[in-house]
Amino acid sequence: MGSRNIIWMMFYVSLTPFLIIRGTLADKNSDHDSRSLDKFLHDYAQKVVKLPSRGEFYDISLHSNYSGMKISYVQIETTNLWARGINSSLIHIPRRTRTRPSVKRLDIVFHHLGNLSSYYFSLPNHKFVTPVIGFTAYNGEKYTAANRSSVHKLKLEGNNTIVVRFEDSSLKKGEMNPSKRCVRFYPNGHVAFSKVGSTNLCHVHGQGHFAIVVRKWKPFWKRKTTKWWAIGIGVGIGVLFLGILVWILVRNFGRKKKVKSMQMQSERSEALDTVWVGTSKMPSAGGIRTQPVLENDYLP
């Protein structure tokens, strides 16, 4: 095998680990825009309930594209929110909760995403054991051409935590699972974990989307630490083959230089005759016969 073929083979082999790493690190992001969902559900609730009674909950049916999802809607005065809070089947908002910015009344839409939870949210290395539950608060103005820009999402603040209830958890009641965690999904894609309370409760601050998850086993080649090991091994193999390639080039260069030096040395030396041996031309010195000297030439 020629040196050129060896070099090309080493080049392709050195690229292989990096191609493997590239495939290993390729991840898909299947999350859909939850903020668009929140806005759609609020708009839909306002269209269905034209004149809501203050403090009354409305269960709203969605069309077939959202089969399995349930929402409820309530409009409440901020003074009542501060004095009494809100207690629904999913969310308990305690007293002494205020809005920022301050408004006279607010709309709250409660979401139960059901079997569409994984369509809008995903969490690598974890498994949902409950549907995603969430709620969003808006000021209570209707959408009109005059005040469309005034309808915006509010922040809920208070000293006491909001309680999220997961009554249909797939985990058995009282089951101890060390990896079971409450997770909160933020609009910017970040997540936060917290402990799970008794009977599958999550204590949170502020609005958002929540679920209970457990860590799931993942094949070692997909684990984050394994990916870094793969990167290290790939880089090491690449450096090793690069070193071997450089050594081959240096060795070939040294041999050529040595042969050239020998040729130059032979040109400066006495010219020798040449002789053909088979198909090879080789240098040959002329024959010199040493004259014999008898040992007894000087004996009497």
C-alpha atoms as a PDB file:
ATOM      1  CA  MET A   1       0.000   0.000   0.000  1.00  0.00           C
ATOM      2  CA  GLY A   2       1.435   3.368  -1.061  1.00  0.00           C
ATOM      3  CA  SER A   3       2.022   6.201   1.344  1.00  0.00           C
ATOM      4  CA  ARG A   4      -0.658   8.262  -0.439  1.00  0.00           C
ATOM      5  CA  ASN A   5      -3.315   5.590   0.202  1.00  0.00           C
ATOM      6  CA  ILE A   6      -2.233   5.338   3.831  1.00  0.00           C
ATOM      7  CA  ILE A   7      -2.598   9.104   4.265  1.00  0.00           C
ATOM      8  CA  TRP A   8      -6.124   9.151   2.791  1.00  0.00           C
ATOM      9  CA  MET A   9      -7.181   6.190   4.907  1.00  0.00           C
ATOM     10  CA  MET A  10      -5.890   7.903   8.053  1.00  0.00           C
ATOM     11  CA  PHE A  11      -7.750  11.085   7.089  1.00  0.00           C
ATOM     12  CA  TYR A  12     -11.111   9.335   6.721  1.00  0.00           C
ATOM     13  CA  VAL A  13     -10.661   7.345   9.921  1.00  0.00           C
ATOM     14  CA  SER A  14      -9.780  10.516  11.838  1.00  0.00           C
ATOM     15  CA  LEU A  15     -13.048  12.132  10.689  1.00  0.00           C
ATOM     16  CA  THR A  16     -15.220   9.206  11.813  1.00  0.00           C
ATOM     17  CA  PRO A  17     -15.354  10.067  15.567  1.00  0.00           C
ATOM     18  CA  PHE A  18     -16.438  13.628  14.810  1.00  0.00           C
ATOM     19  CA  LEU A  19     -19.215  12.423  12.517  1.00  0.00           C
ATOM     20  CA  ILE A  20     -20.413  10.075  15.262  1.00  0.00           C
ATOM     21  CA  ILE A  21     -20.350  12.894  17.820  1.00  0.00           C
ATOM     22  CA  ARG A  22     -22.334  15.145  15.525  1.00  0.00           C
ATOM     23  CA  GLY A  23     -25.048  12.511  15.227  1.00  0.00           C
ATOM     24  CA  THR A  24     -24.996  11.889  18.976  1.00  0.00           C
ATOM     25  CA  LEU A  25     -25.444  15.541  19.890  1.00  0.00           C
ATOM     26  CA  ALA A  26     -28.311  16.160  17.462  1.00  0.00           C
ATOM     27  CA  ASP A  27     -31.425  16.777  19.542  1.00  0.00           C
ATOM     28  CA  LYS A  28     -34.918  17.639  18.423  1.00  0.00           C
ATOM     29  CA  ASN A  29     -37.047  20.311  20.010  1.00  0.00           C
ATOM     30  CA  SER A  30     -40.698  19.306  19.651  1.00  0.00           C
ATOM     31  CA  ASP A  31     -42.187  21.922  21.979  1.00  0.00           C
ATOM     32  CA  HIS A  32     -44.953  24.075  20.569  1.00  0.00           C
ATOM     33  CA  ASP A  33     -45.587  27.679  21.554  1.00  0.00           C
ATOM     34  CA  SER A  34     -47.393  27.604  24.902  1.00  0.00           C
ATOM     35  CA  ARG A  35     -47.716  31.396  24.911  1.00  0.00           C
ATOM     36  CA  SER A  36     -49.813  31.252  21.752  1.00  0.00           C
ATOM     37  CA  LEU A  37     -51.953  28.594  23.433  1.00  0.00           C
ATOM     38  CA  ASP A  38     -52.502  30.820  26.482  1.00  0.00           C
ATOM     39  CA  LYS A  39     -53.589  33.739  24.326  1.00  0.00           C
ATOM     40  CA  PHE A  40     -55.883  31.563  22.222  1.00  0.00           C
ATOM     41  CA  LEU A  41     -57.609  30.081  25.291  1.00  0.00           C
ATOM     42  CA  HIS A  42     -58.160  33.511  26.827  1.00  0.00           C
ATOM     43  CA  ASP A  43     -59.571  34.922  23.587  1.00  0.00           C
ATOM     44  CA  TYR A  44     -61.799  31.879  23.170  1.00  0.00           C
ATOM     45  CA  ALA A  45     -63.092  32.117  26.754  1.00  0.00           C
ATOM     46  CA  GLN A  46     -63.994  35.778  26.285  1.00  0.00           C
ATOM     47  CA  LYS A  47     -65.866  34.991  23.060  1.00  0.00           C
ATOM     48  CA  VAL A  48     -67.831  32.128  24.631  1.00  0.00           C
ATOM     49  CA  VAL A  49     -68.694  33.968  27.853  1.00  0.00           C
ATOM     50  CA  LYS A  50     -69.958  37.333  26.707  1.00  0.00           C
ATOM     51  CA  LEU A  51     -71.126  38.750  30.055  1.00  0.00           C
ATOM     52  CA  PRO A  52     -69.484  36.816  32.900  1.00  0.00           C
ATOM     53  CA  SER A  53     -70.806  37.090  36.432  1.00  0.00           C
ATOM     54  CA  ARG A  54     -68.109  38.132  38.874  1.00  0.00           C
ATOM     55  CA  GLY A  55     -66.632  35.185  40.771  1.00  0.00           C
ATOM     56  CA  GLU A  56     -68.513  32.499  38.819  1.00  0.00           C
ATOM     57  CA  PHE A  57     -66.569  29.639  37.192  1.00  0.00           C
ATOM     58  CA  TYR A  58     -67.381  28.677  33.598  1.00  0.00           C
ATOM     59  CA  ASP A  59     -66.331  25.310  32.176  1.00  0.00           C
ATOM     60  CA  ILE A  60     -65.696  25.851  28.480  1.00  0.00           C
ATOM     61  CA  SER A  61     -65.860  23.144  25.814  1.00  0.00           C
ATOM     62  CA  LEU A  62     -63.241  23.256  23.084  1.00  0.00           C
ATOM     63  CA  HIS A  63     -63.552  22.017  19.503  1.00  0.00           C
ATOM     64  CA  SER A  64     -62.222  18.655  18.351  1.00  0.00           C
ATOM     65  CA  ASN A  65     -58.682  19.882  17.653  1.00  0.00           C
ATOM     66  CA  TYR A  66     -58.243  20.249  21.430  1.00  0.00           C
ATOM     67  CA  SER A  67     -59.898  16.985  22.429  1.00  0.00           C
ATOM     68  CA  GLY A  68     -58.794  15.944  25.911  1.00  0.00           C
ATOM     69  CA  MET A  69     -58.046  19.489  27.036  1.00  0.00           C
ATOM     70  CA  LYS A  70     -60.268  21.235  29.593  1.00  0.00           C
ATOM     71  CA  ILE A  71     -60.387  24.890  30.565  1.00  0.00           C
ATOM     72  CA  SER A  72     -62.378  26.971  33.009  1.00  0.00           C
ATOM     73  CA  TYR A  73     -62.750  30.719  33.207  1.00  0.00           C
ATOM     74  CA  VAL A  74     -63.514  33.181  35.988  1.00  0.00           C
ATOM     75  CA  GLN A  75     -63.591  36.955  36.227  1.00  0.00           C
ATOM     76  CA  ILE A  76     -63.075  38.467  39.663  1.00  0.00           C
ATOM     77  CA  GLU A  77     -62.564  41.831  41.259  1.00  0.00           C
ATOM     78  CA  THR A  78     -59.052  42.360  42.576  1.00  0.00           C
ATOM     79  CA  THR A  79     -60.495  43.432  45.931  1.00  0.00           C
ATOM     80  CA  ASN A  80     -62.175  40.017  46.260  1.00  0.00           C
ATOM     81  CA  LEU A  81     -58.955  38.288  45.220  1.00  0.00           C
ATOM     82  CA  TRP A  82     -57.148  40.114  48.013  1.00  0.00           C
ATOM     83  CA  ALA A  83     -59.870  39.408  50.580  1.00  0.00           C
ATOM     84  CA  ARG A  84     -60.873  35.820  49.783  1.00  0.00           C
ATOM     85  CA  GLY A  85     -58.549  34.371  47.145  1.00  0.00           C
ATOM     86  CA  ILE A  86     -59.757  31.774  44.630  1.00  0.00           C
ATOM     87  CA  ASN A  87     -60.369  28.077  45.194  1.00  0.00           C
ATOM     88  CA  SER A  88     -60.952  25.914  42.121  1.00  0.00           C
ATOM     89  CA  SER A  89     -60.712  22.162  41.652  1.00  0.00           C
ATOM     90  CA  LEU A  90     -57.199  22.565  40.235  1.00  0.00           C
ATOM     91  CA  ILE A  91     -55.698  25.702  41.749  1.00  0.00           C
ATOM     92  CA  HIS A  92     -55.952  27.354  45.144  1.00  0.00           C
ATOM     93  CA  ILE A  93     -54.877  31.001  45.156  1.00  0.00           C
ATOM     94  CA  PRO A  94     -54.633  32.232  48.754  1.00  0.00           C
ATOM     95  CA  ARG A  95     -55.829  35.493  50.224  1.00  0.00           C
ATOM     96  CA  ARG A  96     -53.583  38.546  50.224  1.00  0.00           C
ATOM     97  CA  THR A  97     -52.688  37.983  46.579  1.00  0.00           C
ATOM     98  CA  ARG A  98     -52.301  41.103  44.468  1.00  0.00           C
ATOM     99  CA  THR A  99     -51.747  41.803  40.801  1.00  0.00           C
ATOM    100  CA  ARG A 100     -48.988  43.678  39.056  1.00  0.00           C
ATOM    101  CA  PRO A 101     -49.788  46.019  37.451  1.00  0.00           C
ATOM    102  CA  SER A 102     -52.808  46.883  39.535  1.00  0.00           C
ATOM    103  CA  VAL A 103     -56.184  46.560  37.791  1.00  0.00           C
ATOM    104  CA  LYS A 104     -59.839  46.708  38.907  1.00  0.00           C
ATOM    105  CA  ARG A 105     -60.734  43.197  37.782  1.00  0.00           C
ATOM    106  CA  LEU A 106     -58.954  40.273  36.211  1.00  0.00           C
ATOM    107  CA  ASP A 107     -59.684  37.207  34.116  1.00  0.00           C
ATOM    108  CA  ILE A 108     -58.145  33.871  35.091  1.00  0.00           C
ATOM    109  CA  VAL A 109     -58.118  30.936  32.703  1.00  0.00           C
ATOM    110  CA  PHE A 110     -57.356  27.523  34.226  1.00  0.00           C
ATOM    111  CA  HIS A 111     -55.866  24.903  31.867  1.00  0.00           C
ATOM    112  CA  HIS A 112     -55.893  21.131  32.076  1.00  0.00           C
ATOM    113  CA  LEU A 113     -53.968  19.978  29.004  1.00  0.00           C
ATOM    114  CA  GLY A 114     -54.782  16.285  29.439  1.00  0.00           C
ATOM    115  CA  ASN A 115     -53.336  14.033  26.739  1.00  0.00           C
ATOM    116  CA  LEU A 116     -52.030  17.091  24.866  1.00  0.00           C
ATOM    117  CA  SER A 117     -49.536  17.865  27.630  1.00  0.00           C
ATOM    118  CA  SER A 118     -46.591  16.324  25.803  1.00  0.00           C
ATOM    119  CA  TYR A 119     -47.619  18.148  22.616  1.00  0.00           C
ATOM    120  CA  TYR A 120     -46.968  21.553  24.153  1.00  0.00           C
ATOM    121  CA  PHE A 121     -44.316  20.636  26.730  1.00  0.00           C
ATOM    122  CA  SER A 122     -41.395  18.242  26.890  1.00  0.00           C
ATOM    123  CA  LEU A 123     -38.687  17.638  29.453  1.00  0.00           C
ATOM    124  CA  PRO A 124     -35.612  15.597  28.467  1.00  0.00           C
ATOM    125  CA  ASN A 125     -34.797  12.588  30.661  1.00  0.00           C
ATOM    126  CA  HIS A 126     -38.144  12.877  32.473  1.00  0.00           C
ATOM    127  CA  LYS A 127     -41.567  11.308  32.185  1.00  0.00           C
ATOM    128  CA  PHE A 128     -44.869  13.051  32.885  1.00  0.00           C
ATOM    129  CA  VAL A 129     -46.884  11.220  35.533  1.00  0.00           C
ATOM    130  CA  THR A 130     -49.582  13.896  35.584  1.00  0.00           C
ATOM    131  CA  PRO A 131     -51.098  16.105  32.912  1.00  0.00           C
ATOM    132  CA  VAL A 132     -49.849  19.672  32.708  1.00  0.00           C
ATOM    133  CA  ILE A 133     -52.007  22.087  34.704  1.00  0.00           C
ATOM    134  CA  GLY A 134     -51.720  25.830  34.413  1.00  0.00           C
ATOM    135  CA  PHE A 135     -53.426  29.159  34.793  1.00  0.00           C
ATOM    136  CA  THR A 136     -52.926  32.634  33.416  1.00  0.00           C
ATOM    137  CA  ALA A 137     -54.258  35.948  34.671  1.00  0.00           C
ATOM    138  CA  TYR A 138     -55.207  38.889  32.451  1.00  0.00           C
ATOM    139  CA  ASN A 139     -56.837  42.204  33.103  1.00  0.00           C
ATOM    140  CA  GLY A 140     -60.598  42.037  32.687  1.00  0.00           C
ATOM    141  CA  GLU A 141     -61.010  44.351  29.721  1.00  0.00           C
ATOM    142  CA  LYS A 142     -62.680  43.119  26.560  1.00  0.00           C
ATOM    143  CA  TYR A 143     -60.901  43.143  23.252  1.00  0.00           C
ATOM    144  CA  THR A 144     -62.071  46.093  21.206  1.00  0.00           C
ATOM    145  CA  ALA A 145     -60.427  48.280  18.609  1.00  0.00           C
ATOM    146  CA  ALA A 146     -59.995  50.997  21.238  1.00  0.00           C
ATOM    147  CA  ASN A 147     -58.530  48.995  24.112  1.00  0.00           C
ATOM    148  CA  ARG A 148     -56.922  45.989  22.380  1.00  0.00           C
ATOM    149  CA  SER A 149     -53.434  46.955  23.554  1.00  0.00           C
ATOM    150  CA  SER A 150     -54.619  47.309  27.164  1.00  0.00           C
ATOM    151  CA  VAL A 151     -55.412  43.589  27.554  1.00  0.00           C
ATOM    152  CA  HIS A 152     -52.252  41.967  28.864  1.00  0.00           C
ATOM    153  CA  LYS A 153     -51.048  39.224  31.154  1.00  0.00           C
ATOM    154  CA  LEU A 154     -50.734  40.055  34.846  1.00  0.00           C
ATOM    155  CA  LYS A 155     -48.374  38.884  37.562  1.00  0.00           C
ATOM    156  CA  LEU A 156     -49.760  37.466  40.792  1.00  0.00           C
ATOM    157  CA  GLU A 157     -47.794  38.211  43.932  1.00  0.00           C
ATOM    158  CA  GLY A 158     -48.253  37.348  47.589  1.00  0.00           C
ATOM    159  CA  ASN A 159     -46.546  36.002  50.680  1.00  0.00           C
ATOM    160  CA  ASN A 160     -48.354  32.644  50.616  1.00  0.00           C
ATOM    161  CA  THR A 161     -47.819  29.926  48.037  1.00  0.00           C
ATOM    162  CA  ILE A 162     -50.352  28.916  45.404  1.00  0.00           C
ATOM    163  CA  VAL A 163     -51.348  25.249  45.585  1.00  0.00           C
ATOM    164  CA  VAL A 164     -51.662  23.162  42.422  1.00  0.00           C
ATOM    165  CA  ARG A 165     -53.688  19.959  42.847  1.00  0.00           C
ATOM    166  CA  PHE A 166     -53.025  16.851  40.753  1.00  0.00           C
ATOM    167  CA  GLU A 167     -55.959  14.643  41.624  1.00  0.00           C
ATOM    168  CA  ASP A 168     -55.588  12.354  38.601  1.00  0.00           C
ATOM    169  CA  SER A 169     -51.930  11.542  39.110  1.00  0.00           C
ATOM    170  CA  SER A 170     -50.934   8.202  37.638  1.00  0.00           C
ATOM    171  CA  LEU A 171     -48.759   7.579  40.689  1.00  0.00           C
ATOM    172  CA  LYS A 172     -50.375   5.578  43.441  1.00  0.00           C
ATOM    173  CA  LYS A 173     -51.430   7.616  46.424  1.00  0.00           C
ATOM    174  CA  GLY A 174     -48.689   7.708  49.027  1.00  0.00           C
ATOM    175  CA  GLU A 175     -46.158   6.047  46.742  1.00  0.00           C
ATOM    176  CA  MET A 176     -42.628   7.172  47.590  1.00  0.00           C
ATOM    177  CA  ASN A 177     -40.544   7.901  44.543  1.00  0.00           C
ATOM    178  CA  PRO A 178     -37.262   9.723  45.161  1.00  0.00           C
ATOM    179  CA  SER A 179     -37.199  11.091  41.622  1.00  0.00           C
ATOM    180  CA  LYS A 180     -40.753  12.513  41.734  1.00  0.00           C
ATOM    181  CA  ARG A 181     -40.636  16.311  41.351  1.00  0.00           C
ATOM    182  CA  CYS A 182     -42.900  19.235  40.666  1.00  0.00           C
ATOM    183  CA  VAL A 183     -41.824  21.100  37.556  1.00  0.00           C
ATOM    184  CA  ARG A 184     -42.749  24.610  36.459  1.00  0.00           C
ATOM    185  CA  PHE A 185     -42.488  25.658  32.821  1.00  0.00           C
ATOM    186  CA  TYR A 186     -41.650  29.288  32.130  1.00  0.00           C
ATOM    187  CA  PRO A 187     -42.597  31.092  28.886  1.00  0.00           C
ATOM    188  CA  ASN A 188     -38.908  31.552  27.975  1.00  0.00           C
ATOM    189  CA  GLY A 189     -38.344  27.775  27.973  1.00  0.00           C
ATOM    190  CA  HIS A 190     -36.703  27.515  31.406  1.00  0.00           C
ATOM    191  CA  VAL A 191     -37.923  25.029  34.007  1.00  0.00           C
ATOM    192  CA  ALA A 192     -37.746  24.897  37.802  1.00  0.00           C
ATOM    193  CA  PHE A 193     -38.088  21.872  40.082  1.00  0.00           C
ATOM    194  CA  SER A 194     -39.506  21.658  43.596  1.00  0.00           C
ATOM    195  CA  LYS A 195     -40.593  19.010  46.059  1.00  0.00           C
ATOM    196  CA  VAL A 196     -43.934  17.262  45.792  1.00  0.00           C
ATOM    197  CA  GLY A 197     -46.221  17.811  48.763  1.00  0.00           C
ATOM    198  CA  SER A 198     -48.540  15.266  50.315  1.00  0.00           C
ATOM    199  CA  THR A 199     -51.285  13.830  48.071  1.00  0.00           C
ATOM    200  CA  ASN A 200     -49.517  15.132  44.970  1.00  0.00           C
ATOM    201  CA  LEU A 201     -49.600  18.857  45.631  1.00  0.00           C
ATOM    202  CA  CYS A 202     -47.218  21.446  44.265  1.00  0.00           C
ATOM    203  CA  HIS A 203     -46.639  24.720  46.116  1.00  0.00           C
ATOM    204  CA  VAL A 204     -45.690  27.480  43.688  1.00  0.00           C
ATOM    205  CA  HIS A 205     -45.308  31.234  43.411  1.00  0.00           C
ATOM    206  CA  GLY A 206     -46.990  32.975  40.501  1.00  0.00           C
ATOM    207  CA  GLN A 207     -48.827  31.710  37.460  1.00  0.00           C
ATOM    208  CA  GLY A 208     -47.577  29.310  34.824  1.00  0.00           C
ATOM    209  CA  HIS A 209     -47.788  25.644  33.800  1.00  0.00           C
ATOM    210  CA  PHE A 210     -47.032  22.813  36.208  1.00  0.00           C
ATOM    211  CA  ALA A 211     -46.756  19.020  36.281  1.00  0.00           C
ATOM    212  CA  ILE A 212     -45.300  16.150  38.293  1.00  0.00           C
ATOM    213  CA  VAL A 213     -42.501  14.238  36.604  1.00  0.00           C
ATOM    214  CA  VAL A 214     -40.092  11.430  37.375  1.00  0.00           C
ATOM    215  CA  ARG A 215     -36.658  10.792  35.947  1.00  0.00           C
ATOM    216  CA  LYS A 216     -36.621   8.027  33.379  1.00  0.00           C
ATOM    217  CA  TRP A 217     -33.811   5.695  32.470  1.00  0.00           C
ATOM    218  CA  LYS A 218     -31.985   6.742  29.346  1.00  0.00           C
ATOM    219  CA  PRO A 219     -29.646   4.638  27.185  1.00  0.00           C
ATOM    220  CA  PHE A 220     -26.047   5.405  28.086  1.00  0.00           C
ATOM    221  CA  TRP A 221     -25.220   6.662  24.588  1.00  0.00           C
ATOM    222  CA  LYS A 222     -27.876   9.388  24.942  1.00  0.00           C
ATOM    223  CA  ARG A 223     -26.838  10.606  28.378  1.00  0.00           C
ATOM    224  CA  LYS A 224     -25.220  14.002  28.692  1.00  0.00           C
ATOM    225  CA  THR A 225     -22.137  12.668  30.477  1.00  0.00           C
ATOM    226  CA  THR A 226     -21.769   9.990  27.815  1.00  0.00           C
ATOM    227  CA  LYS A 227     -21.867  12.675  25.138  1.00  0.00           C
ATOM    228  CA  TRP A 228     -18.970  14.486  26.795  1.00  0.00           C
ATOM    229  CA  TRP A 229     -17.095  11.200  27.059  1.00  0.00           C
ATOM    230  CA  ALA A 230     -17.774  10.633  23.361  1.00  0.00           C
ATOM    231  CA  ILE A 231     -16.425  14.088  22.584  1.00  0.00           C
ATOM    232  CA  GLY A 232     -13.275  13.436  24.619  1.00  0.00           C
ATOM    233  CA  ILE A 233     -12.692  10.020  23.065  1.00  0.00           C
ATOM    234  CA  GLY A 234     -13.357  11.378  19.577  1.00  0.00           C
ATOM    235  CA  VAL A 235     -10.941  14.257  20.041  1.00  0.00           C
ATOM    236  CA  GLY A 236      -8.335  11.883  21.501  1.00  0.00           C
ATOM    237  CA  ILE A 237      -8.652   9.469  18.577  1.00  0.00           C
ATOM    238  CA  GLY A 238      -8.465  12.354  16.130  1.00  0.00           C
ATOM    239  CA  VAL A 239      -5.312  13.708  17.771  1.00  0.00           C
ATOM    240  CA  LEU A 240      -3.791  10.211  17.834  1.00  0.00           C
ATOM    241  CA  PHE A 241      -4.371   9.629  14.119  1.00  0.00           C
ATOM    242  CA  LEU A 242      -3.156  13.126  13.324  1.00  0.00           C
ATOM    243  CA  GLY A 243       0.041  12.390  15.260  1.00  0.00           C
ATOM    244  CA  ILE A 244       0.519   9.119  13.357  1.00  0.00           C
ATOM    245  CA  LEU A 245      -0.057  10.931  10.064  1.00  0.00           C
ATOM    246  CA  VAL A 246       2.555  13.555  10.941  1.00  0.00           C
ATOM    247  CA  TRP A 247       5.009  10.811  11.983  1.00  0.00           C
ATOM    248  CA  ILE A 248       4.556   9.032   8.625  1.00  0.00           C
ATOM    249  CA  LEU A 249       5.143  12.255   6.719  1.00  0.00           C
ATOM    250  CA  VAL A 250       8.238  13.123   8.768  1.00  0.00           C
ATOM    251  CA  ARG A 251       9.640   9.601   8.354  1.00  0.00           C
ATOM    252  CA  ASN A 252       9.120   9.630   4.574  1.00  0.00           C
ATOM    253  CA  PHE A 253      10.697  13.063   4.367  1.00  0.00           C
ATOM    254  CA  GLY A 254      13.701  11.867   6.391  1.00  0.00           C
ATOM    255  CA  ARG A 255      14.185   8.833   4.172  1.00  0.00           C
ATOM    256  CA  LYS A 256      14.084  10.925   1.018  1.00  0.00           C
ATOM    257  CA  LYS A 257      16.569  13.362   2.492  1.00  0.00           C
ATOM    258  CA  LYS A 258      18.914  10.518   3.499  1.00  0.00           C
ATOM    259  CA  VAL A 259      18.770   8.957   0.008  1.00  0.00           C
ATOM    260  CA  LYS A 260      19.494  12.307  -1.599  1.00  0.00           C
ATOM    261  CA  SER A 261      22.459  12.834   0.743  1.00  0.00           C
ATOM    262  CA  MET A 262      23.867   9.422  -0.182  1.00  0.00           C
ATOM    263  CA  GLN A 263      23.483  10.192  -3.871  1.00  0.00           C
ATOM    264  CA  MET A 264      25.350  13.491  -3.462  1.00  0.00           C
ATOM    265  CA  GLN A 265      28.099  11.708  -1.499  1.00  0.00           C
ATOM    266  CA  SER A 266      28.478   9.090  -4.189  1.00  0.00           C
ATOM    267  CA  GLU A 267      28.765  11.778  -6.862  1.00  0.00           C
ATOM    268  CA  ARG A 268      31.672  13.394  -4.989  1.00  0.00           C
ATOM    269  CA  SER A 269      33.478  10.030  -4.605  1.00  0.00           C
ATOM    270  CA  GLU A 270      35.518   8.179  -7.226  1.00  0.00           C
ATOM    271  CA  ALA A 271      33.436   7.026 -10.133  1.00  0.00           C
ATOM    272  CA  LEU A 272      32.812   3.309 -10.175  1.00  0.00           C
ATOM    273  CA  ASP A 273      31.990   1.032 -12.989  1.00  0.00           C
ATOM    274  CA  THR A 274      28.473  -0.309 -13.204  1.00  0.00           C
ATOM    275  CA  VAL A 275      27.229  -3.780 -13.853  1.00  0.00           C
ATOM    276  CA  TRP A 276      23.752  -5.160 -14.517  1.00  0.00           C
ATOM    277  CA  VAL A 277      22.506  -7.846 -12.149  1.00  0.00           C
ATOM    278  CA  GLY A 278      19.269  -9.108 -13.502  1.00  0.00           C
ATOM    279  CA  THR A 279      17.176  -5.975 -14.061  1.00  0.00           C
ATOM    280  CA  SER A 280      19.089  -3.824 -11.536  1.00  0.00           C
ATOM    281  CA  LYS A 281      22.049  -1.601 -12.323  1.00  0.00           C
ATOM    282  CA  MET A 282      24.643  -1.691  -9.527  1.00  0.00           C
ATOM    283  CA  PRO A 283      28.061  -0.054  -8.992  1.00  0.00           C
ATOM    284  CA  SER A 284      31.112  -2.273  -9.428  1.00  0.00           C
ATOM    285  CA  ALA A 285      34.849  -1.758  -8.705  1.00  0.00           C
ATOM    286  CA  GLY A 286      37.437  -2.949 -11.179  1.00  0.00           C
ATOM    287  CA  GLY A 287      39.238  -6.145 -10.341  1.00  0.00           C
ATOM    288  CA  ILE A 288      42.821  -5.871  -8.947  1.00  0.00           C
ATOM    289  CA  ARG A 289      44.974  -8.951  -8.749  1.00  0.00           C
ATOM    290  CA  THR A 290      47.549  -9.023  -5.932  1.00  0.00           C
ATOM    291  CA  GLN A 291      50.846 -10.391  -7.100  1.00  0.00           C
ATOM    292  CA  PRO A 292      51.836 -13.503  -5.155  1.00  0.00           C
ATOM    293  CA  VAL A 293      55.024 -13.355  -3.084  1.00  0.00           C
ATOM    294  CA  LEU A 294      56.753 -16.574  -2.215  1.00  0.00           C
ATOM    295  CA  GLU A 295      57.734 -16.990   1.381  1.00  0.00           C
ATOM    296  CA  ASN A 296      61.129 -18.491   0.563  1.00  0.00           C
ATOM    297  CA  ASP A 297      62.274 -16.029  -2.112  1.00  0.00           C
ATOM    298  CA  TYR A 298      65.039 -14.757   0.203  1.00  0.00           C
ATOM    299  CA  LEU A 299      66.139 -18.102   1.566  1.00  0.00           C
ATOM    300  CA  PRO A 300      69.662 -19.272   0.515  1.00  0.00           C
END
